[in-house]
Amino acid sequence: MSDTVQQIKSKLSIQEVVGQYVKLTRVGGALKARCPFHSERTPSFHISPDRGTYHCFGCGVGGDMFSFVQAIEGIDFKGALKILAERAGVPLVYSRTEKTEHDEKDRLFELMEAATLWYQSRMTEEARGYLRERGLSDETIKIFRIGWAGNGWTDAIDFLKSKRFSEKEMAAAGLSREGDRGAADKFRNRIMFPLFDTAGRVVAFSGRTFGKDAHPDAPKYLNSPETILYHKSSLLYGFDKAKQAMRQLNCAILVEGQMDLVMSHQAGWANTVAVSGTAFTTEHAMLIKRMTDNLILALDADEAGLKAASKAAKAALQKGMRVKVAHIPGEKDPADLILKEGPDVWKGVIKHAKDIITFLLDVLHERIPQSDKYRRMVEVAVVPFLHDVQSPIDKDAYVREIAGRIGVSDEAVREALTQVPRVPTDDEREKPAAVMGVQKQVSVDQRAFNAYGLLLWQRSVAKPAIDTVVFEKHLSDAAGKQTFETLRALPEVEQERCRFLGEQRYGEHKGLQKELTQLLALIERSRLEKELRDLGEVLKAAERAGIEAEEARVQQEIQVLTSRIAQLHTKV
């Protein structure tokens, strides 16, 4: 495994990996960007190409290219390894030991893959014929790995047992349930749509009821329960196949169901994703925002679809995205529109998508043509959206548009907005504490902190510009043993912050050795001046107590410190 990691790092740079998700700007020898892990306007996310690491001074995250992909894709290390190995063209080979020492997640991933292959192999001509009638080609069925779960009570369980998976593992993966007759297959008489994580691994299923043996009261769609592999609020169906197209087209399309998604992909819109079994969340929005700032909502045109579009728009706006809504004519869903009207009509619907505020204003005007009622509904249903618009320029443009539509002044719209209760965003409710500087946590001179950052940085590079062993001793002497031990005891996240600050401050410095001599002198002078102030207080106490011997001893120490401080003044 370590050989594979090193091969990947030799073929990919951290700036190549991170640069596929965020826009990087060079500042000296480092690169910086707006952090993809928290909302910010001023870039505080820094990359060190030499060390192959990143660190955000705003939220404190940091690591290498593997931890970055884990965090931004929402996957485990092996998922990140799979993505980066494919990107680097490195074959992913596990050793024999690694193949036999699986943790729980590894086993469940294998189980879900085995189940997917089995469902695919069970696809009947009847089920395939239905999918063809809905417009899917055989190639699309194959790409999305759609399968079939038959009528048997324990067919899947029996097959997976033959592959040496336990009933406990099947239950943990959400493939079995406890019934009157014991363990039974969760999915029966259903067309099976595998749900994939961002690395393309199967983590769950969504089954559509189908066939003459299907129970008439069974729900149309049945989804896997939440498991250690599957979290509904953070998974978007099709995201693994759409993320590259989202980056290339700088836009994502959100639809509501499996058939809508696969038909949209088949029609040429590979940047389409879908919610599955849950409402669109701010977690979903953040996942998309890492690929693009632009989102088109193409949900069903019925009343429920409009409500879903409104909720999704608020979640996306709160994350600083630009949101448009595609108006689907005739209250069709995207899959039916593509099937009956053709891909060109779907293209037109996407092309003519309207900004969320414009769309809401138009829909309300169609339904409520009376000017007085329309004005009141705009105040109730549209104005609150302005709270969620993050861009001041966009917000100002929307204020003008609303004012023009209902025939009032811009100031009247802004006043109406102040009277609308503002619901805190998820970020504000669960805002991570920013990593505080060490100077606010421990009593350490800022120069000593900077010097320690320089030491950490130089230790981490292949060819350091200074003798780090010698510099460490000099720094310990200058700052004092207690201060140096405090610096060494800093937690890893703070050490990484310190290392990045050292690289930023001294990375492009030409006369580094002279700078270090002056820095050490300043650190020592600062320590001695503090000691001198402390001795002054001791001397006053001795004088008040009339202890002449103590007075003489302290005065002698003060003379030594004063002489040493005077010498240090000549070095800075």
Protein backbone atom coordinates (compact mmCIF):
# COMPACT_ATOMS: atom_id res chain seq x y z
CA MET A 1 0.00 0.00 0.00
CA SER A 2 2.79 2.45 0.91
CA ASP A 3 4.43 1.78 -2.48
CA THR A 4 1.17 2.67 -4.23
CA VAL A 5 0.87 5.90 -2.25
CA GLN A 6 4.42 6.91 -3.15
CA GLN A 7 3.87 6.08 -6.83
CA ILE A 8 0.79 8.30 -6.87
CA LYS A 9 2.65 11.15 -5.16
CA SER A 10 5.48 10.84 -7.69
CA LYS A 11 3.03 11.21 -10.58
CA LEU A 12 0.63 13.79 -9.13
CA SER A 13 1.38 17.08 -7.38
CA ILE A 14 -0.86 18.44 -4.68
CA GLN A 15 -1.53 21.56 -6.75
CA GLU A 16 -2.78 19.36 -9.62
CA VAL A 17 -5.16 17.54 -7.29
CA VAL A 18 -6.45 20.55 -5.36
CA GLY A 19 -6.55 22.70 -8.51
CA GLN A 20 -9.25 20.45 -9.96
CA TYR A 21 -11.58 21.57 -7.17
CA VAL A 22 -10.62 25.18 -6.38
CA LYS A 23 -8.98 28.10 -8.19
CA LEU A 24 -5.41 28.55 -6.96
CA THR A 25 -3.43 31.80 -6.87
CA ARG A 26 0.36 31.88 -6.49
CA VAL A 27 1.76 34.00 -3.64
CA GLY A 28 5.55 33.73 -3.50
CA GLY A 29 6.50 30.07 -3.23
CA ALA A 30 3.07 29.02 -1.96
CA LEU A 31 -0.41 28.81 -3.45
CA LYS A 32 -3.63 29.99 -1.86
CA ALA A 33 -7.38 29.82 -2.49
CA ARG A 34 -10.73 30.30 -0.83
CA CYS A 35 -11.24 27.29 1.42
CA PRO A 36 -13.62 24.66 -0.04
CA PHE A 37 -14.47 23.40 3.46
CA HIS A 38 -16.03 26.56 4.89
CA SER A 39 -17.56 29.75 3.49
CA GLU A 40 -15.13 32.66 3.22
CA ARG A 41 -14.47 35.69 1.04
CA THR A 42 -10.79 36.24 1.83
CA PRO A 43 -8.53 33.29 0.86
CA SER A 44 -7.05 31.56 3.90
CA PHE A 45 -6.40 28.14 2.32
CA HIS A 46 -2.68 27.63 1.57
CA ILE A 47 -0.76 24.94 -0.30
CA SER A 48 2.93 24.15 -0.01
CA PRO A 49 4.01 22.51 -3.31
CA ASP A 50 7.43 21.58 -1.90
CA ARG A 51 5.98 19.65 1.02
CA GLY A 52 2.84 18.43 -0.75
CA THR A 53 0.56 19.67 2.04
CA TYR A 54 -2.28 22.16 2.56
CA HIS A 55 -3.61 24.12 5.52
CA CYS A 56 -6.53 26.50 6.08
CA PHE A 57 -5.91 29.26 8.63
CA GLY A 58 -9.67 29.85 8.85
CA CYS A 59 -11.05 26.45 9.85
CA GLY A 60 -7.85 24.58 10.68
CA VAL A 61 -8.09 21.69 8.19
CA GLY A 62 -4.87 20.41 6.67
CA GLY A 63 -3.03 17.39 5.32
CA ASP A 64 -1.81 15.92 2.02
CA MET A 65 -3.51 15.13 -1.30
CA PHE A 66 -5.11 11.97 0.12
CA SER A 67 -6.71 13.67 3.12
CA PHE A 68 -7.86 16.49 0.80
CA VAL A 69 -9.67 14.07 -1.54
CA GLN A 70 -11.12 12.23 1.46
CA ALA A 71 -12.54 15.47 2.86
CA ILE A 72 -13.77 17.03 -0.36
CA GLU A 73 -15.30 13.83 -1.76
CA GLY A 74 -16.65 12.63 1.59
CA ILE A 75 -15.01 9.20 1.36
CA ASP A 76 -12.56 7.04 3.30
CA PHE A 77 -8.84 6.62 2.58
CA LYS A 78 -9.30 3.67 0.26
CA GLY A 79 -11.88 5.62 -1.74
CA ALA A 80 -9.39 8.49 -2.11
CA LEU A 81 -6.69 5.98 -3.04
CA LYS A 82 -8.92 4.56 -5.77
CA ILE A 83 -9.68 8.02 -7.24
CA LEU A 84 -6.06 9.18 -7.20
CA ALA A 85 -4.70 5.88 -8.51
CA GLU A 86 -7.03 6.10 -11.52
CA ARG A 87 -6.05 9.75 -12.07
CA ALA A 88 -2.34 8.95 -11.87
CA GLY A 89 -2.58 5.79 -13.97
CA VAL A 90 -1.18 3.68 -11.13
CA PRO A 91 -2.52 0.11 -10.79
CA LEU A 92 -4.15 -0.43 -7.42
CA VAL A 93 -2.72 -3.66 -6.01
CA TYR A 94 -3.25 -4.83 -2.44
CA SER A 95 -0.81 -7.18 -0.78
CA ARG A 96 -1.95 -10.60 0.34
CA THR A 97 -1.98 -9.47 3.98
CA GLU A 98 -4.10 -6.44 3.13
CA LYS A 99 -6.59 -8.67 1.29
CA THR A 100 -7.20 -10.83 4.31
CA GLU A 101 -7.27 -8.12 6.97
CA HIS A 102 -10.46 -6.27 6.12
CA ASP A 103 -12.19 -3.90 8.44
CA GLU A 104 -15.99 -3.69 8.57
CA LYS A 105 -16.30 -1.12 5.78
CA ASP A 106 -14.09 -3.13 3.41
CA ARG A 107 -16.27 -6.19 3.89
CA LEU A 108 -19.46 -4.22 3.28
CA PHE A 109 -18.06 -2.64 0.11
CA GLU A 110 -17.24 -6.14 -1.16
CA LEU A 111 -20.70 -7.37 -0.18
CA MET A 112 -22.43 -4.49 -2.03
CA GLU A 113 -20.33 -5.12 -5.13
CA ALA A 114 -21.21 -8.81 -5.06
CA ALA A 115 -24.91 -7.99 -4.65
CA THR A 116 -24.77 -5.53 -7.56
CA LEU A 117 -23.23 -8.12 -9.87
CA TRP A 118 -25.85 -10.63 -8.78
CA TYR A 119 -28.78 -8.25 -9.36
CA GLN A 120 -27.34 -7.41 -12.79
CA SER A 121 -27.08 -11.08 -13.69
CA ARG A 122 -30.74 -11.58 -12.70
CA MET A 123 -32.11 -8.92 -15.07
CA THR A 124 -35.15 -10.40 -16.88
CA GLU A 125 -36.29 -9.59 -20.41
CA GLU A 126 -39.54 -8.31 -18.93
CA ALA A 127 -37.74 -5.80 -16.70
CA ARG A 128 -35.35 -4.85 -19.49
CA GLY A 129 -38.31 -4.36 -21.81
CA TYR A 130 -39.93 -1.97 -19.32
CA LEU A 131 -36.72 0.08 -19.07
CA ARG A 132 -36.53 0.22 -22.88
CA GLU A 133 -40.12 1.45 -22.97
CA ARG A 134 -39.11 4.20 -20.55
CA GLY A 135 -36.42 5.19 -23.04
CA LEU A 136 -33.26 3.59 -21.64
CA SER A 137 -30.80 1.98 -24.02
CA ASP A 138 -29.03 -1.27 -23.17
CA GLU A 139 -25.78 0.69 -22.90
CA THR A 140 -27.29 3.04 -20.29
CA ILE A 141 -28.65 0.08 -18.32
CA LYS A 142 -25.13 -1.37 -18.33
CA ILE A 143 -23.37 1.92 -17.38
CA PHE A 144 -25.66 2.49 -14.40
CA ARG A 145 -25.50 -1.22 -13.50
CA ILE A 146 -29.28 -1.57 -13.18
CA GLY A 147 -30.44 -5.02 -12.08
CA TRP A 148 -33.43 -7.01 -10.87
CA ALA A 149 -34.51 -8.51 -7.52
CA GLY A 150 -36.92 -11.41 -8.01
CA ASN A 151 -39.71 -12.93 -5.94
CA GLY A 152 -37.72 -15.27 -3.69
CA TRP A 153 -37.71 -14.60 0.03
CA THR A 154 -34.02 -15.39 0.56
CA ASP A 155 -32.49 -15.51 -2.94
CA ALA A 156 -30.04 -12.67 -2.28
CA ILE A 157 -29.22 -13.98 1.20
CA ASP A 158 -28.51 -17.47 -0.12
CA PHE A 159 -26.27 -16.14 -2.88
CA LEU A 160 -24.30 -13.88 -0.56
CA LYS A 161 -23.89 -16.72 1.96
CA SER A 162 -22.32 -18.76 -0.85
CA LYS A 163 -19.81 -15.91 -1.20
CA ARG A 164 -19.02 -16.26 2.54
CA PHE A 165 -20.82 -13.15 3.75
CA SER A 166 -22.68 -13.42 7.05
CA GLU A 167 -26.30 -12.53 7.80
CA LYS A 168 -24.95 -9.92 10.23
CA GLU A 169 -23.03 -8.25 7.39
CA MET A 170 -26.08 -8.34 5.12
CA ALA A 171 -28.18 -6.65 7.78
CA ALA A 172 -25.45 -4.04 8.34
CA ALA A 173 -25.44 -3.30 4.60
CA GLY A 174 -29.23 -2.96 4.52
CA LEU A 175 -29.84 -5.95 2.22
CA SER A 176 -31.81 -8.11 4.65
CA ARG A 177 -34.54 -7.65 7.22
CA GLU A 178 -36.03 -9.69 10.01
CA GLY A 179 -39.46 -11.15 9.20
CA ASP A 180 -41.83 -13.74 10.61
CA ARG A 181 -39.79 -16.48 8.94
CA GLY A 182 -36.41 -15.11 10.04
CA ALA A 183 -34.01 -13.16 7.86
CA ALA A 184 -35.43 -12.24 4.44
CA ASP A 185 -34.32 -10.23 1.40
CA LYS A 186 -35.14 -6.55 1.81
CA PHE A 187 -35.63 -6.07 -1.94
CA ARG A 188 -38.09 -8.28 -3.81
CA ASN A 189 -39.84 -7.76 -7.17
CA ARG A 190 -37.93 -4.60 -7.87
CA ILE A 191 -35.75 -3.04 -10.57
CA MET A 192 -32.55 -2.24 -8.70
CA PHE A 193 -30.66 1.03 -9.09
CA PRO A 194 -27.27 0.92 -7.29
CA LEU A 195 -26.30 4.13 -5.50
CA PHE A 196 -22.60 5.02 -5.66
CA ASP A 197 -20.30 7.10 -3.49
CA THR A 198 -18.07 9.72 -5.11
CA ALA A 199 -15.39 7.09 -5.76
CA GLY A 200 -17.87 4.98 -7.72
CA ARG A 201 -18.35 2.26 -5.08
CA VAL A 202 -21.83 0.86 -4.45
CA VAL A 203 -23.09 1.92 -1.02
CA ALA A 204 -26.87 1.42 -1.27
CA PHE A 205 -29.79 0.58 -3.56
CA SER A 206 -33.04 2.12 -4.66
CA GLY A 207 -35.53 -0.46 -5.90
CA ARG A 208 -38.56 0.33 -8.09
CA THR A 209 -41.48 -2.06 -7.69
CA PHE A 210 -42.13 -4.08 -10.86
CA GLY A 211 -43.62 -7.37 -11.98
CA LYS A 212 -46.80 -9.40 -11.66
CA ASP A 213 -45.76 -10.72 -8.24
CA ALA A 214 -45.22 -7.26 -6.74
CA HIS A 215 -47.52 -6.44 -3.83
CA PRO A 216 -50.09 -3.82 -4.88
CA ASP A 217 -49.61 -1.82 -1.66
CA ALA A 218 -45.81 -1.84 -1.81
CA PRO A 219 -44.16 1.60 -2.05
CA LYS A 220 -43.17 2.55 -5.61
CA TYR A 221 -39.56 3.07 -4.56
CA LEU A 222 -37.77 1.41 -1.64
CA ASN A 223 -34.37 2.72 -0.57
CA SER A 224 -31.66 1.17 1.55
CA PRO A 225 -31.64 2.30 5.18
CA GLU A 226 -28.77 4.45 6.42
CA THR A 227 -25.64 2.38 7.09
CA ILE A 228 -21.98 3.06 7.81
CA LEU A 229 -21.56 3.29 4.02
CA TYR A 230 -24.69 5.26 3.13
CA HIS A 231 -25.81 8.66 4.44
CA LYS A 232 -28.74 10.12 2.52
CA SER A 233 -28.04 13.74 3.39
CA SER A 234 -24.56 13.63 1.85
CA LEU A 235 -25.08 11.39 -1.21
CA LEU A 236 -26.28 12.50 -4.63
CA TYR A 237 -27.22 9.83 -7.17
CA GLY A 238 -24.97 10.04 -10.22
CA PHE A 239 -22.43 12.35 -8.60
CA ASP A 240 -19.57 9.93 -9.29
CA LYS A 241 -20.33 10.11 -13.04
CA ALA A 242 -21.25 13.81 -13.10
CA LYS A 243 -18.42 15.52 -11.23
CA GLN A 244 -16.05 15.80 -14.19
CA ALA A 245 -18.78 17.22 -16.44
CA MET A 246 -19.82 19.66 -13.69
CA ARG A 247 -16.28 21.03 -13.60
CA GLN A 248 -15.97 21.22 -17.40
CA LEU A 249 -19.37 22.85 -17.96
CA ASN A 250 -19.20 24.90 -14.72
CA CYS A 251 -22.80 23.95 -13.99
CA ALA A 252 -24.79 21.20 -12.28
CA ILE A 253 -28.37 20.10 -12.99
CA LEU A 254 -30.44 18.71 -10.13
CA VAL A 255 -33.33 16.31 -10.84
CA GLU A 256 -35.50 14.31 -8.50
CA GLY A 257 -35.37 10.62 -9.32
CA GLN A 258 -33.34 7.77 -10.79
CA MET A 259 -35.14 7.68 -14.15
CA ASP A 260 -34.83 11.47 -14.53
CA LEU A 261 -31.12 11.21 -13.95
CA VAL A 262 -30.29 8.31 -16.25
CA MET A 263 -32.42 9.78 -19.04
CA SER A 264 -30.71 13.16 -18.67
CA HIS A 265 -27.27 11.52 -18.84
CA GLN A 266 -28.36 9.51 -21.85
CA ALA A 267 -29.56 12.74 -23.51
CA GLY A 268 -26.04 14.18 -23.21
CA TRP A 269 -26.26 16.05 -19.89
CA ALA A 270 -23.60 14.21 -17.89
CA ASN A 271 -23.54 17.05 -15.32
CA THR A 272 -26.88 15.89 -13.84
CA VAL A 273 -27.28 14.62 -10.27
CA ALA A 274 -30.34 13.54 -8.29
CA VAL A 275 -31.53 13.41 -4.71
CA SER A 276 -32.49 9.95 -3.56
CA GLY A 277 -34.96 9.35 -0.75
CA THR A 278 -34.47 12.71 0.94
CA ALA A 279 -34.75 16.46 0.44
CA PHE A 280 -31.84 18.47 -0.96
CA THR A 281 -29.63 19.59 1.95
CA THR A 282 -26.85 22.10 2.53
CA GLU A 283 -24.49 19.10 2.59
CA HIS A 284 -25.62 18.27 -0.95
CA ALA A 285 -25.13 21.92 -1.92
CA MET A 286 -21.58 21.95 -0.53
CA LEU A 287 -20.78 18.76 -2.45
CA ILE A 288 -21.83 20.40 -5.72
CA LYS A 289 -20.18 23.73 -4.88
CA ARG A 290 -16.82 22.00 -4.78
CA MET A 291 -17.29 21.37 -8.52
CA THR A 292 -19.22 24.49 -9.58
CA ASP A 293 -20.98 27.57 -8.23
CA ASN A 294 -23.88 27.23 -10.70
CA LEU A 295 -26.93 25.03 -10.09
CA ILE A 296 -30.00 24.48 -12.28
CA LEU A 297 -33.01 22.95 -10.53
CA ALA A 298 -35.03 20.74 -12.89
CA LEU A 299 -37.50 19.18 -10.47
CA ASP A 300 -41.05 18.06 -11.24
CA ALA A 301 -43.37 20.88 -12.30
CA ASP A 302 -46.22 19.93 -9.94
CA GLU A 303 -46.93 21.60 -6.58
CA ALA A 304 -44.66 19.21 -4.68
CA GLY A 305 -41.87 19.85 -7.18
CA LEU A 306 -42.15 23.61 -6.73
CA LYS A 307 -41.91 23.26 -2.94
CA ALA A 308 -38.90 21.00 -3.33
CA ALA A 309 -37.30 23.53 -5.70
CA SER A 310 -37.82 26.33 -3.18
CA LYS A 311 -36.17 24.35 -0.37
CA ALA A 312 -33.30 23.27 -2.60
CA ALA A 313 -32.77 26.85 -3.78
CA LYS A 314 -32.50 28.12 -0.19
CA ALA A 315 -29.92 25.46 0.68
CA ALA A 316 -27.85 26.29 -2.41
CA LEU A 317 -28.12 30.08 -1.95
CA GLN A 318 -26.91 29.73 1.65
CA LYS A 319 -23.74 28.16 0.29
CA GLY A 320 -23.16 31.10 -2.04
CA MET A 321 -24.30 29.36 -5.22
CA ARG A 322 -26.07 30.95 -8.19
CA VAL A 323 -29.39 29.16 -8.65
CA LYS A 324 -31.61 28.88 -11.70
CA VAL A 325 -34.84 26.92 -12.23
CA ALA A 326 -35.73 25.07 -15.42
CA HIS A 327 -39.44 25.32 -16.23
CA ILE A 328 -40.68 21.93 -17.47
CA PRO A 329 -43.85 22.41 -19.56
CA GLY A 330 -47.03 20.41 -19.06
CA GLU A 331 -46.16 19.27 -15.53
CA LYS A 332 -44.02 16.45 -16.95
CA ASP A 333 -41.00 15.08 -15.18
CA PRO A 334 -37.62 15.25 -17.01
CA ALA A 335 -37.65 11.55 -17.95
CA ASP A 336 -41.08 11.76 -19.62
CA LEU A 337 -40.16 15.02 -21.35
CA ILE A 338 -37.00 13.52 -22.85
CA LEU A 339 -38.85 10.34 -23.88
CA LYS A 340 -41.87 12.06 -25.48
CA GLU A 341 -40.42 15.36 -26.70
CA GLY A 342 -36.82 14.39 -27.34
CA PRO A 343 -33.37 15.48 -26.10
CA ASP A 344 -33.51 18.80 -28.01
CA VAL A 345 -36.56 19.93 -26.05
CA TRP A 346 -34.77 19.04 -22.81
CA LYS A 347 -31.78 21.06 -24.03
CA GLY A 348 -34.07 24.04 -24.59
CA VAL A 349 -35.55 23.71 -21.10
CA ILE A 350 -32.07 23.78 -19.56
CA LYS A 351 -30.89 26.60 -21.79
CA HIS A 352 -33.83 28.84 -20.85
CA ALA A 353 -33.61 28.26 -17.08
CA LYS A 354 -34.35 31.43 -15.10
CA ASP A 355 -32.74 32.90 -11.98
CA ILE A 356 -34.60 31.67 -8.90
CA ILE A 357 -36.05 35.11 -8.07
CA THR A 358 -37.21 35.69 -11.67
CA PHE A 359 -38.73 32.21 -11.78
CA LEU A 360 -40.69 32.73 -8.55
CA LEU A 361 -41.93 36.12 -9.70
CA ASP A 362 -43.13 34.63 -12.99
CA VAL A 363 -44.86 31.64 -11.38
CA LEU A 364 -46.69 33.84 -8.88
CA HIS A 365 -47.81 36.26 -11.60
CA GLU A 366 -49.22 33.39 -13.67
CA ARG A 367 -51.20 32.13 -10.71
CA ILE A 368 -52.16 35.48 -9.14
CA PRO A 369 -52.65 38.11 -11.86
CA GLN A 370 -54.38 40.58 -9.46
CA SER A 371 -51.81 43.27 -8.62
CA ASP A 372 -52.68 43.69 -4.91
CA LYS A 373 -52.67 39.97 -4.14
CA TYR A 374 -49.57 39.49 -6.28
CA ARG A 375 -47.70 42.21 -4.35
CA ARG A 376 -48.60 40.62 -1.00
CA MET A 377 -47.58 37.15 -2.15
CA VAL A 378 -44.24 38.46 -3.44
CA GLU A 379 -43.57 39.97 -0.02
CA VAL A 380 -44.42 36.68 1.69
CA ALA A 381 -42.96 34.14 -0.75
CA VAL A 382 -40.12 35.85 -2.63
CA VAL A 383 -38.57 38.59 -0.48
CA PRO A 384 -37.40 36.12 2.25
CA PHE A 385 -35.12 34.47 -0.33
CA LEU A 386 -33.00 37.61 -0.35
CA HIS A 387 -31.72 36.71 3.13
CA ASP A 388 -30.07 33.64 1.61
CA VAL A 389 -28.39 35.40 -1.34
CA GLN A 390 -24.74 35.73 -0.34
CA SER A 391 -23.49 38.03 -3.11
CA PRO A 392 -24.20 41.73 -2.34
CA ILE A 393 -24.24 42.48 -6.08
CA ASP A 394 -26.76 39.72 -6.83
CA LYS A 395 -28.89 40.77 -3.87
CA ASP A 396 -28.97 44.38 -5.07
CA ALA A 397 -29.98 43.25 -8.58
CA TYR A 398 -32.80 41.10 -7.17
CA VAL A 399 -34.05 43.99 -5.03
CA ARG A 400 -34.33 46.15 -8.15
CA GLU A 401 -36.08 43.37 -10.08
CA ILE A 402 -38.65 42.76 -7.32
CA ALA A 403 -39.28 46.49 -6.92
CA GLY A 404 -39.83 46.90 -10.66
CA ARG A 405 -42.22 43.94 -10.86
CA ILE A 406 -44.53 45.13 -8.08
CA GLY A 407 -44.18 48.85 -8.72
CA VAL A 408 -42.49 50.03 -5.51
CA SER A 409 -39.16 51.63 -4.65
CA ASP A 410 -35.97 49.67 -3.96
CA GLU A 411 -36.02 51.09 -0.41
CA ALA A 412 -39.50 49.62 0.17
CA VAL A 413 -38.24 46.14 -0.74
CA ARG A 414 -35.21 46.52 1.55
CA GLU A 415 -37.48 47.70 4.37
CA ALA A 416 -39.75 44.68 3.82
CA LEU A 417 -36.70 42.44 4.04
CA THR A 418 -35.74 43.87 7.45
CA GLN A 419 -39.18 42.88 8.76
CA VAL A 420 -38.82 39.26 7.63
CA PRO A 421 -37.35 37.04 10.39
CA ARG A 422 -34.01 35.69 9.27
CA VAL A 423 -33.47 31.97 9.84
CA PRO A 424 -29.81 31.22 10.72
CA THR A 425 -27.96 29.16 8.12
CA ASP A 426 -26.52 25.75 8.95
CA ASP A 427 -23.04 27.31 8.94
CA GLU A 428 -24.09 29.86 11.55
CA ARG A 429 -25.78 27.24 13.74
CA GLU A 430 -22.84 24.85 13.59
CA LYS A 431 -19.94 27.18 12.83
CA PRO A 432 -16.63 25.46 13.53
CA ALA A 433 -14.41 27.29 15.94
CA ALA A 434 -11.55 28.90 14.05
CA VAL A 435 -8.11 27.70 15.02
CA MET A 436 -6.74 30.36 17.33
CA GLY A 437 -3.14 31.52 17.11
CA VAL A 438 -0.77 30.16 19.70
CA GLN A 439 -0.24 33.66 21.06
CA LYS A 440 -3.88 33.53 22.26
CA GLN A 441 -3.55 30.09 23.81
CA VAL A 442 -0.16 30.05 25.52
CA SER A 443 2.24 32.67 26.77
CA VAL A 444 4.77 32.52 23.92
CA ASP A 445 6.55 35.44 22.27
CA GLN A 446 5.31 35.86 18.65
CA ARG A 447 8.90 35.91 17.37
CA ALA A 448 9.60 32.57 19.09
CA PHE A 449 6.47 31.17 17.45
CA ASN A 450 7.67 32.43 14.05
CA ALA A 451 11.14 30.98 14.59
CA TYR A 452 9.68 27.62 15.60
CA GLY A 453 7.60 27.66 12.41
CA LEU A 454 10.79 28.23 10.43
CA LEU A 455 12.40 25.27 12.18
CA LEU A 456 9.42 22.99 11.43
CA TRP A 457 9.36 24.09 7.79
CA GLN A 458 13.09 23.53 7.29
CA ARG A 459 12.85 20.09 8.88
CA SER A 460 10.19 19.11 6.35
CA VAL A 461 12.04 20.04 3.14
CA ALA A 462 14.45 17.75 1.30
CA LYS A 463 17.34 20.25 1.25
CA PRO A 464 17.09 22.63 4.23
CA ALA A 465 18.81 26.01 3.91
CA ILE A 466 20.01 25.90 7.55
CA ASP A 467 21.46 23.38 9.97
CA THR A 468 18.23 22.51 11.80
CA VAL A 469 19.99 20.75 14.71
CA VAL A 470 22.11 23.82 15.45
CA PHE A 471 19.20 26.20 14.97
CA GLU A 472 17.01 24.18 17.33
CA LYS A 473 19.65 24.46 20.09
CA HIS A 474 20.06 28.21 19.51
CA LEU A 475 16.30 28.73 19.55
CA SER A 476 15.93 26.76 22.78
CA ASP A 477 18.69 28.85 24.39
CA ALA A 478 17.24 32.15 23.14
CA ALA A 479 13.60 31.48 24.02
CA GLY A 480 14.29 29.55 27.20
CA LYS A 481 13.73 25.87 27.90
CA GLN A 482 10.18 26.32 29.23
CA THR A 483 9.02 28.30 26.18
CA PHE A 484 10.66 25.84 23.79
CA GLU A 485 8.99 22.87 25.49
CA THR A 486 5.65 24.70 25.25
CA LEU A 487 6.17 25.05 21.50
CA ARG A 488 7.13 21.38 21.14
CA ALA A 489 3.96 20.37 23.00
CA LEU A 490 1.64 22.14 20.55
CA PRO A 491 -1.04 19.87 19.04
CA GLU A 492 -0.40 18.64 15.49
CA VAL A 493 -2.94 20.98 13.87
CA GLU A 494 -1.23 23.98 15.50
CA GLN A 495 2.21 22.68 14.53
CA GLU A 496 1.04 22.50 10.91
CA ARG A 497 -0.27 26.06 11.12
CA CYS A 498 3.06 27.14 12.59
CA ARG A 499 4.96 25.33 9.81
CA PHE A 500 2.93 27.06 7.08
CA LEU A 501 3.46 30.45 8.69
CA GLY A 502 7.21 29.81 8.79
CA GLU A 503 7.25 28.88 5.11
CA GLN A 504 5.17 31.92 4.16
CA ARG A 505 7.29 34.34 6.17
CA TYR A 506 10.73 33.05 5.23
CA GLY A 507 10.20 31.02 2.05
CA GLU A 508 11.40 33.75 -0.32
CA HIS A 509 13.92 35.34 2.04
CA LYS A 510 17.33 35.87 0.37
CA GLY A 511 19.49 36.68 3.43
CA LEU A 512 18.06 33.97 5.67
CA GLN A 513 21.13 33.41 7.87
CA LYS A 514 21.43 37.10 8.77
CA GLU A 515 17.69 37.25 9.43
CA LEU A 516 17.94 34.29 11.79
CA THR A 517 20.79 35.86 13.76
CA GLN A 518 18.69 38.98 14.29
CA LEU A 519 15.58 36.94 15.08
CA LEU A 520 17.34 34.89 17.76
CA ALA A 521 18.77 38.08 19.28
CA LEU A 522 15.30 39.64 19.44
CA ILE A 523 13.84 36.49 21.03
CA GLU A 524 16.58 36.37 23.67
CA ARG A 525 16.30 40.13 24.33
CA SER A 526 12.54 39.83 24.78
CA ARG A 527 13.02 36.97 27.28
CA LEU A 528 15.71 38.82 29.21
CA GLU A 529 13.68 42.04 29.34
CA LYS A 530 10.81 40.08 30.88
CA GLU A 531 13.22 38.53 33.39
CA LEU A 532 14.56 42.04 34.13
CA ARG A 533 11.04 43.31 34.84
CA ASP A 534 10.42 40.34 37.14
CA LEU A 535 13.69 41.02 39.01
CA GLY A 536 12.65 44.64 39.44
CA GLU A 537 9.58 43.46 41.31
CA VAL A 538 11.71 41.10 43.44
CA LEU A 539 14.10 43.98 44.26
CA LYS A 540 11.22 46.20 45.39
CA ALA A 541 9.94 43.45 47.66
CA ALA A 542 13.43 42.94 49.17
CA GLU A 543 13.79 46.67 49.78
CA ARG A 544 10.39 46.84 51.52
CA ALA A 545 11.36 43.88 53.70
CA GLY A 546 14.82 45.33 54.43
CA ILE A 547 16.66 42.14 53.37
CA GLU A 548 20.03 43.60 52.32
CA ALA A 549 21.57 40.30 51.20
CA GLU A 550 18.65 39.65 48.86
CA GLU A 551 18.90 43.23 47.56
CA ALA A 552 22.60 42.75 46.74
CA ARG A 553 22.02 39.41 44.99
CA VAL A 554 19.17 40.78 42.84
CA GLN A 555 21.09 43.96 41.94
CA GLN A 556 23.99 41.80 40.76
CA GLU A 557 21.64 39.74 38.56
CA ILE A 558 20.11 42.93 37.20
CA GLN A 559 23.57 44.21 36.22
CA VAL A 560 24.32 40.95 34.34
CA LEU A 561 20.99 41.06 32.49
CA THR A 562 21.37 44.74 31.67
CA SER A 563 24.84 44.12 30.21
CA ARG A 564 23.59 41.16 28.11
CA ILE A 565 20.60 43.14 26.82
CA ALA A 566 22.94 45.98 25.81
CA GLN A 567 25.04 43.48 23.82
CA LEU A 568 21.96 42.16 22.07
CA HIS A 569 20.95 45.70 21.07
CA THR A 570 24.07 45.82 18.87
CA LYS A 571 22.92 42.72 16.94
CA VAL A 572 19.48 44.02 15.93
